[in-house]
């Protein structure tokens, strides 16, 4: 298969990290922003932007409130999908996979690395629930600032979600819309990937 250049390599996670590193030098804002897709119990899709925080050796990780709509939908389905798209590079990565929580020391470390205001905001926001006003939210932040101090612990309802892919597609723009697409697939729980070049 003629898979060289930016598509070369046998480790899709290494390729993804390489592309993200390139995007960090060219994208004006949030090169790690992903459009995360989930489905509700009726099968109706939801999609929203979140920030990808880690590309591990075998998975992708982001963080959220576990009581949010996205986290509840992920918990019910056990699956999710996302796309990373970079206008500056004219490339994208699509991922579909199975999910698990990351609510141990790794989540604690990431939470501790955030700014104090972001840590307090995680406590104050009842993510996806109705809110009477911004003033009410800010009042909750002020109360929590007094009660939790300058080193709040990670909320028990907040942590990471890890997506272990069963499919990854690397896409790059081509002249005359003759794009390059390589589709990586594997069975859940296995390590061996099958790579196929797709038509544009």
C-alpha atoms as a PDB file:
ATOM      1  CA  UNK A   1       0.000   0.000   0.000  1.00  0.00           C
ATOM      2  CA  UNK A   2       1.327   3.454  -0.932  1.00  0.00           C
ATOM      3  CA  UNK A   3       1.157   4.868   2.595  1.00  0.00           C
ATOM      4  CA  UNK A   4       4.076   7.229   3.166  1.00  0.00           C
ATOM      5  CA  UNK A   5       4.729  10.820   4.152  1.00  0.00           C
ATOM      6  CA  UNK A   6       2.327  12.115   6.779  1.00  0.00           C
ATOM      7  CA  UNK A   7       0.521   8.739   6.781  1.00  0.00           C
ATOM      8  CA  UNK A   8       3.629   6.608   7.388  1.00  0.00           C
ATOM      9  CA  UNK A   9       4.000   4.348  10.400  1.00  0.00           C
ATOM     10  CA  UNK A  10       2.456   1.346  12.100  1.00  0.00           C
ATOM     11  CA  UNK A  11       1.162   3.153  15.210  1.00  0.00           C
ATOM     12  CA  UNK A  12      -1.970   5.267  14.632  1.00  0.00           C
ATOM     13  CA  UNK A  13      -1.597   6.977  18.015  1.00  0.00           C
ATOM     14  CA  UNK A  14       1.921   8.123  17.096  1.00  0.00           C
ATOM     15  CA  UNK A  15       0.560   9.485  13.798  1.00  0.00           C
ATOM     16  CA  UNK A  16      -2.234  11.289  15.666  1.00  0.00           C
ATOM     17  CA  UNK A  17       0.248  12.838  18.120  1.00  0.00           C
ATOM     18  CA  UNK A  18       2.450  13.949  15.221  1.00  0.00           C
ATOM     19  CA  UNK A  19      -0.452  15.616  13.431  1.00  0.00           C
ATOM     20  CA  UNK A  20      -1.604  17.331  16.629  1.00  0.00           C
ATOM     21  CA  UNK A  21       1.915  18.652  17.236  1.00  0.00           C
ATOM     22  CA  UNK A  22       1.916  20.137  13.726  1.00  0.00           C
ATOM     23  CA  UNK A  23      -1.504  21.686  14.329  1.00  0.00           C
ATOM     24  CA  UNK A  24      -0.330  23.304  17.565  1.00  0.00           C
ATOM     25  CA  UNK A  25       2.018  25.433  15.462  1.00  0.00           C
ATOM     26  CA  UNK A  26      -0.576  26.458  12.863  1.00  0.00           C
ATOM     27  CA  UNK A  27      -4.086  26.520  14.363  1.00  0.00           C
ATOM     28  CA  UNK A  28      -5.092  29.907  15.823  1.00  0.00           C
ATOM     29  CA  UNK A  29      -7.172  28.411  18.659  1.00  0.00           C
ATOM     30  CA  UNK A  30      -7.612  25.088  20.444  1.00  0.00           C
ATOM     31  CA  UNK A  31      -5.860  22.658  18.085  1.00  0.00           C
ATOM     32  CA  UNK A  32      -7.030  19.874  20.420  1.00  0.00           C
ATOM     33  CA  UNK A  33     -10.742  20.684  20.020  1.00  0.00           C
ATOM     34  CA  UNK A  34     -12.796  17.649  19.012  1.00  0.00           C
ATOM     35  CA  UNK A  35     -16.402  17.344  17.894  1.00  0.00           C
ATOM     36  CA  UNK A  36     -17.629  14.594  20.220  1.00  0.00           C
ATOM     37  CA  UNK A  37     -20.645  12.539  19.137  1.00  0.00           C
ATOM     38  CA  UNK A  38     -22.899  10.465  21.409  1.00  0.00           C
ATOM     39  CA  UNK A  39     -26.421   9.061  21.114  1.00  0.00           C
ATOM     40  CA  UNK A  40     -29.364   9.308  23.500  1.00  0.00           C
ATOM     41  CA  UNK A  41     -31.475   6.278  24.546  1.00  0.00           C
ATOM     42  CA  UNK A  42     -33.672   6.740  21.449  1.00  0.00           C
ATOM     43  CA  UNK A  43     -30.649   6.715  19.162  1.00  0.00           C
ATOM     44  CA  UNK A  44     -30.818  10.461  18.389  1.00  0.00           C
ATOM     45  CA  UNK A  45     -27.252  11.815  18.009  1.00  0.00           C
ATOM     46  CA  UNK A  46     -25.749  14.682  19.979  1.00  0.00           C
ATOM     47  CA  UNK A  47     -22.506  16.446  19.082  1.00  0.00           C
ATOM     48  CA  UNK A  48     -20.515  19.156  20.849  1.00  0.00           C
ATOM     49  CA  UNK A  49     -16.972  20.519  21.022  1.00  0.00           C
ATOM     50  CA  UNK A  50     -14.710  19.393  23.881  1.00  0.00           C
ATOM     51  CA  UNK A  51     -10.952  19.492  24.394  1.00  0.00           C
ATOM     52  CA  UNK A  52      -8.897  16.353  23.905  1.00  0.00           C
ATOM     53  CA  UNK A  53      -6.390  16.231  26.756  1.00  0.00           C
ATOM     54  CA  UNK A  54      -4.303  13.145  26.096  1.00  0.00           C
ATOM     55  CA  UNK A  55      -3.369  10.760  23.305  1.00  0.00           C
ATOM     56  CA  UNK A  56      -2.227   7.643  25.135  1.00  0.00           C
ATOM     57  CA  UNK A  57      -0.538   4.568  23.696  1.00  0.00           C
ATOM     58  CA  UNK A  58      -3.929   2.976  23.020  1.00  0.00           C
ATOM     59  CA  UNK A  59      -6.636   5.572  23.669  1.00  0.00           C
ATOM     60  CA  UNK A  60      -7.815   9.197  23.620  1.00  0.00           C
ATOM     61  CA  UNK A  61      -8.859  11.004  26.830  1.00  0.00           C
ATOM     62  CA  UNK A  62     -11.008  14.050  27.607  1.00  0.00           C
ATOM     63  CA  UNK A  63     -12.520  15.307  30.875  1.00  0.00           C
ATOM     64  CA  UNK A  64     -16.065  16.217  31.835  1.00  0.00           C
ATOM     65  CA  UNK A  65     -18.775  16.308  34.485  1.00  0.00           C
ATOM     66  CA  UNK A  66     -20.093  12.755  34.800  1.00  0.00           C
ATOM     67  CA  UNK A  67     -23.603  14.135  35.362  1.00  0.00           C
ATOM     68  CA  UNK A  68     -23.568  15.968  32.010  1.00  0.00           C
ATOM     69  CA  UNK A  69     -25.700  14.794  29.121  1.00  0.00           C
ATOM     70  CA  UNK A  70     -22.685  13.605  27.140  1.00  0.00           C
ATOM     71  CA  UNK A  71     -21.304  11.577  30.029  1.00  0.00           C
ATOM     72  CA  UNK A  72     -24.697  10.009  30.751  1.00  0.00           C
ATOM     73  CA  UNK A  73     -25.119   9.076  27.094  1.00  0.00           C
ATOM     74  CA  UNK A  74     -21.612   7.615  26.978  1.00  0.00           C
ATOM     75  CA  UNK A  75     -22.259   5.623  30.162  1.00  0.00           C
ATOM     76  CA  UNK A  76     -25.469   4.190  28.703  1.00  0.00           C
ATOM     77  CA  UNK A  77     -24.033   3.311  25.290  1.00  0.00           C
ATOM     78  CA  UNK A  78     -20.442   2.496  26.227  1.00  0.00           C
ATOM     79  CA  UNK A  79     -19.375   4.033  22.910  1.00  0.00           C
ATOM     80  CA  UNK A  80     -18.537   7.414  21.389  1.00  0.00           C
ATOM     81  CA  UNK A  81     -17.030   9.014  18.295  1.00  0.00           C
ATOM     82  CA  UNK A  82     -15.189  12.222  17.521  1.00  0.00           C
ATOM     83  CA  UNK A  83     -13.461  14.151  14.779  1.00  0.00           C
ATOM     84  CA  UNK A  84     -10.401  16.397  14.978  1.00  0.00           C
ATOM     85  CA  UNK A  85     -10.362  18.868  12.084  1.00  0.00           C
ATOM     86  CA  UNK A  86      -7.620  21.377  11.303  1.00  0.00           C
ATOM     87  CA  UNK A  87      -8.349  24.024   8.675  1.00  0.00           C
ATOM     88  CA  UNK A  88      -4.725  25.185   8.667  1.00  0.00           C
ATOM     89  CA  UNK A  89      -3.408  21.695   7.801  1.00  0.00           C
ATOM     90  CA  UNK A  90      -6.427  20.616   5.743  1.00  0.00           C
ATOM     91  CA  UNK A  91      -6.473  17.358   7.658  1.00  0.00           C
ATOM     92  CA  UNK A  92      -8.787  15.493   9.986  1.00  0.00           C
ATOM     93  CA  UNK A  93      -8.866  12.399  12.173  1.00  0.00           C
ATOM     94  CA  UNK A  94     -12.097  10.483  12.815  1.00  0.00           C
ATOM     95  CA  UNK A  95     -12.356   8.048  15.730  1.00  0.00           C
ATOM     96  CA  UNK A  96     -15.023   5.565  16.839  1.00  0.00           C
ATOM     97  CA  UNK A  97     -14.600   3.401  19.902  1.00  0.00           C
ATOM     98  CA  UNK A  98     -15.591   1.978  23.252  1.00  0.00           C
ATOM     99  CA  UNK A  99     -15.385   4.036  26.419  1.00  0.00           C
ATOM    100  CA  UNK A 100     -14.341   3.795  30.045  1.00  0.00           C
ATOM    101  CA  UNK A 101     -13.955   6.253  32.902  1.00  0.00           C
ATOM    102  CA  UNK A 102     -10.630   7.644  34.029  1.00  0.00           C
ATOM    103  CA  UNK A 103     -11.380   8.640  37.614  1.00  0.00           C
ATOM    104  CA  UNK A 104      -8.176   7.672  39.399  1.00  0.00           C
ATOM    105  CA  UNK A 105      -4.786   9.334  39.985  1.00  0.00           C
ATOM    106  CA  UNK A 106      -4.527  10.444  36.343  1.00  0.00           C
ATOM    107  CA  UNK A 107      -7.767  12.417  36.674  1.00  0.00           C
ATOM    108  CA  UNK A 108      -6.595  13.847  40.011  1.00  0.00           C
ATOM    109  CA  UNK A 109      -3.344  15.019  38.421  1.00  0.00           C
ATOM    110  CA  UNK A 110      -5.068  16.648  35.465  1.00  0.00           C
ATOM    111  CA  UNK A 111      -7.625  18.363  37.731  1.00  0.00           C
ATOM    112  CA  UNK A 112      -4.807  19.711  39.939  1.00  0.00           C
ATOM    113  CA  UNK A 113      -3.060  21.138  36.847  1.00  0.00           C
ATOM    114  CA  UNK A 114      -6.033  23.377  35.981  1.00  0.00           C
ATOM    115  CA  UNK A 115      -6.345  26.986  37.131  1.00  0.00           C
ATOM    116  CA  UNK A 116      -8.042  27.540  40.496  1.00  0.00           C
ATOM    117  CA  UNK A 117     -11.029  29.207  38.820  1.00  0.00           C
ATOM    118  CA  UNK A 118     -11.475  26.237  36.498  1.00  0.00           C
ATOM    119  CA  UNK A 119     -11.281  23.816  39.423  1.00  0.00           C
ATOM    120  CA  UNK A 120     -13.903  25.788  41.353  1.00  0.00           C
ATOM    121  CA  UNK A 121     -16.019  26.065  38.203  1.00  0.00           C
ATOM    122  CA  UNK A 122     -16.082  22.271  37.940  1.00  0.00           C
ATOM    123  CA  UNK A 123     -17.611  22.149  41.411  1.00  0.00           C
ATOM    124  CA  UNK A 124     -20.141  24.930  40.717  1.00  0.00           C
ATOM    125  CA  UNK A 125     -21.450  23.871  37.307  1.00  0.00           C
ATOM    126  CA  UNK A 126     -24.299  21.383  37.238  1.00  0.00           C
ATOM    127  CA  UNK A 127     -23.400  20.756  33.615  1.00  0.00           C
ATOM    128  CA  UNK A 128     -26.312  20.476  31.155  1.00  0.00           C
ATOM    129  CA  UNK A 129     -28.920  21.223  33.875  1.00  0.00           C
ATOM    130  CA  UNK A 130     -31.133  24.342  33.616  1.00  0.00           C
ATOM    131  CA  UNK A 131     -29.630  27.538  35.087  1.00  0.00           C
ATOM    132  CA  UNK A 132     -31.713  30.480  36.297  1.00  0.00           C
ATOM    133  CA  UNK A 133     -29.042  33.116  35.559  1.00  0.00           C
ATOM    134  CA  UNK A 134     -25.316  33.690  35.226  1.00  0.00           C
ATOM    135  CA  UNK A 135     -25.499  35.623  38.485  1.00  0.00           C
ATOM    136  CA  UNK A 136     -26.713  32.478  40.260  1.00  0.00           C
ATOM    137  CA  UNK A 137     -23.774  30.516  38.856  1.00  0.00           C
ATOM    138  CA  UNK A 138     -21.251  33.136  39.940  1.00  0.00           C
ATOM    139  CA  UNK A 139     -22.811  33.233  43.413  1.00  0.00           C
ATOM    140  CA  UNK A 140     -22.275  29.476  43.659  1.00  0.00           C
ATOM    141  CA  UNK A 141     -18.644  29.915  42.598  1.00  0.00           C
ATOM    142  CA  UNK A 142     -18.159  32.556  45.316  1.00  0.00           C
ATOM    143  CA  UNK A 143     -19.659  30.291  48.008  1.00  0.00           C
ATOM    144  CA  UNK A 144     -17.499  27.374  46.936  1.00  0.00           C
ATOM    145  CA  UNK A 145     -14.397  29.571  46.919  1.00  0.00           C
ATOM    146  CA  UNK A 146     -15.008  30.303  50.588  1.00  0.00           C
ATOM    147  CA  UNK A 147     -15.795  26.708  51.551  1.00  0.00           C
ATOM    148  CA  UNK A 148     -13.195  24.850  49.457  1.00  0.00           C
ATOM    149  CA  UNK A 149     -10.285  27.291  49.635  1.00  0.00           C
ATOM    150  CA  UNK A 150      -7.346  27.466  47.241  1.00  0.00           C
ATOM    151  CA  UNK A 151      -6.749  23.716  46.852  1.00  0.00           C
ATOM    152  CA  UNK A 152     -10.119  22.100  46.157  1.00  0.00           C
ATOM    153  CA  UNK A 153     -10.144  18.328  45.643  1.00  0.00           C
ATOM    154  CA  UNK A 154     -11.416  16.847  42.388  1.00  0.00           C
ATOM    155  CA  UNK A 155     -15.216  16.593  42.532  1.00  0.00           C
ATOM    156  CA  UNK A 156     -16.445  12.994  42.724  1.00  0.00           C
ATOM    157  CA  UNK A 157     -18.727  13.716  39.755  1.00  0.00           C
ATOM    158  CA  UNK A 158     -15.921  14.984  37.506  1.00  0.00           C
ATOM    159  CA  UNK A 159     -13.191  13.081  35.689  1.00  0.00           C
ATOM    160  CA  UNK A 160     -11.944  11.609  32.473  1.00  0.00           C
ATOM    161  CA  UNK A 161     -13.454   9.513  29.729  1.00  0.00           C
ATOM    162  CA  UNK A 162     -11.150   7.305  27.715  1.00  0.00           C
ATOM    163  CA  UNK A 163     -12.064   6.265  24.171  1.00  0.00           C
ATOM    164  CA  UNK A 164     -10.382   3.075  22.970  1.00  0.00           C
ATOM    165  CA  UNK A 165     -10.765   3.127  19.181  1.00  0.00           C
ATOM    166  CA  UNK A 166     -11.996   0.324  17.003  1.00  0.00           C
ATOM    167  CA  UNK A 167     -11.781   2.647  13.986  1.00  0.00           C
ATOM    168  CA  UNK A 168      -9.492   5.575  13.147  1.00  0.00           C
ATOM    169  CA  UNK A 169      -9.512   7.396   9.828  1.00  0.00           C
ATOM    170  CA  UNK A 170      -6.766   9.782   8.757  1.00  0.00           C
ATOM    171  CA  UNK A 171      -7.847  12.225   6.032  1.00  0.00           C
ATOM    172  CA  UNK A 172      -5.832  14.820   4.126  1.00  0.00           C
ATOM    173  CA  UNK A 173      -7.050  17.263   1.505  1.00  0.00           C
ATOM    174  CA  UNK A 174      -6.136  16.463  -2.081  1.00  0.00           C
ATOM    175  CA  UNK A 175      -6.185  18.468  -5.297  1.00  0.00           C
ATOM    176  CA  UNK A 176      -9.502  18.451  -7.158  1.00  0.00           C
ATOM    177  CA  UNK A 177     -11.163  16.862  -4.082  1.00  0.00           C
ATOM    178  CA  UNK A 178      -9.180  13.669  -4.647  1.00  0.00           C
ATOM    179  CA  UNK A 179      -8.423  13.361  -0.944  1.00  0.00           C
ATOM    180  CA  UNK A 180      -6.221  10.773   0.775  1.00  0.00           C
ATOM    181  CA  UNK A 181      -8.014   8.581   3.327  1.00  0.00           C
ATOM    182  CA  UNK A 182      -6.631   5.680   5.350  1.00  0.00           C
ATOM    183  CA  UNK A 183      -9.035   3.682   7.493  1.00  0.00           C
ATOM    184  CA  UNK A 184      -7.608   1.728  10.457  1.00  0.00           C
ATOM    185  CA  UNK A 185      -9.849  -0.957  12.013  1.00  0.00           C
ATOM    186  CA  UNK A 186      -9.532  -3.578  14.738  1.00  0.00           C
ATOM    187  CA  UNK A 187     -11.753  -5.652  16.996  1.00  0.00           C
ATOM    188  CA  UNK A 188     -12.413  -4.206  20.480  1.00  0.00           C
ATOM    189  CA  UNK A 189      -9.843  -5.482  22.960  1.00  0.00           C
ATOM    190  CA  UNK A 190      -7.290  -6.428  20.304  1.00  0.00           C
ATOM    191  CA  UNK A 191      -4.072  -4.726  19.224  1.00  0.00           C
ATOM    192  CA  UNK A 192      -3.749  -5.642  15.543  1.00  0.00           C
ATOM    193  CA  UNK A 193      -4.888  -3.037  13.028  1.00  0.00           C
ATOM    194  CA  UNK A 194      -6.035  -3.507   9.443  1.00  0.00           C
ATOM    195  CA  UNK A 195      -5.367  -0.472   7.230  1.00  0.00           C
ATOM    196  CA  UNK A 196      -7.332   0.248   4.052  1.00  0.00           C
ATOM    197  CA  UNK A 197      -7.023   3.140   1.613  1.00  0.00           C
ATOM    198  CA  UNK A 198     -10.477   4.593   0.904  1.00  0.00           C
ATOM    199  CA  UNK A 199     -11.804   6.469  -2.081  1.00  0.00           C
ATOM    200  CA  UNK A 200     -12.132  10.232  -1.512  1.00  0.00           C
END
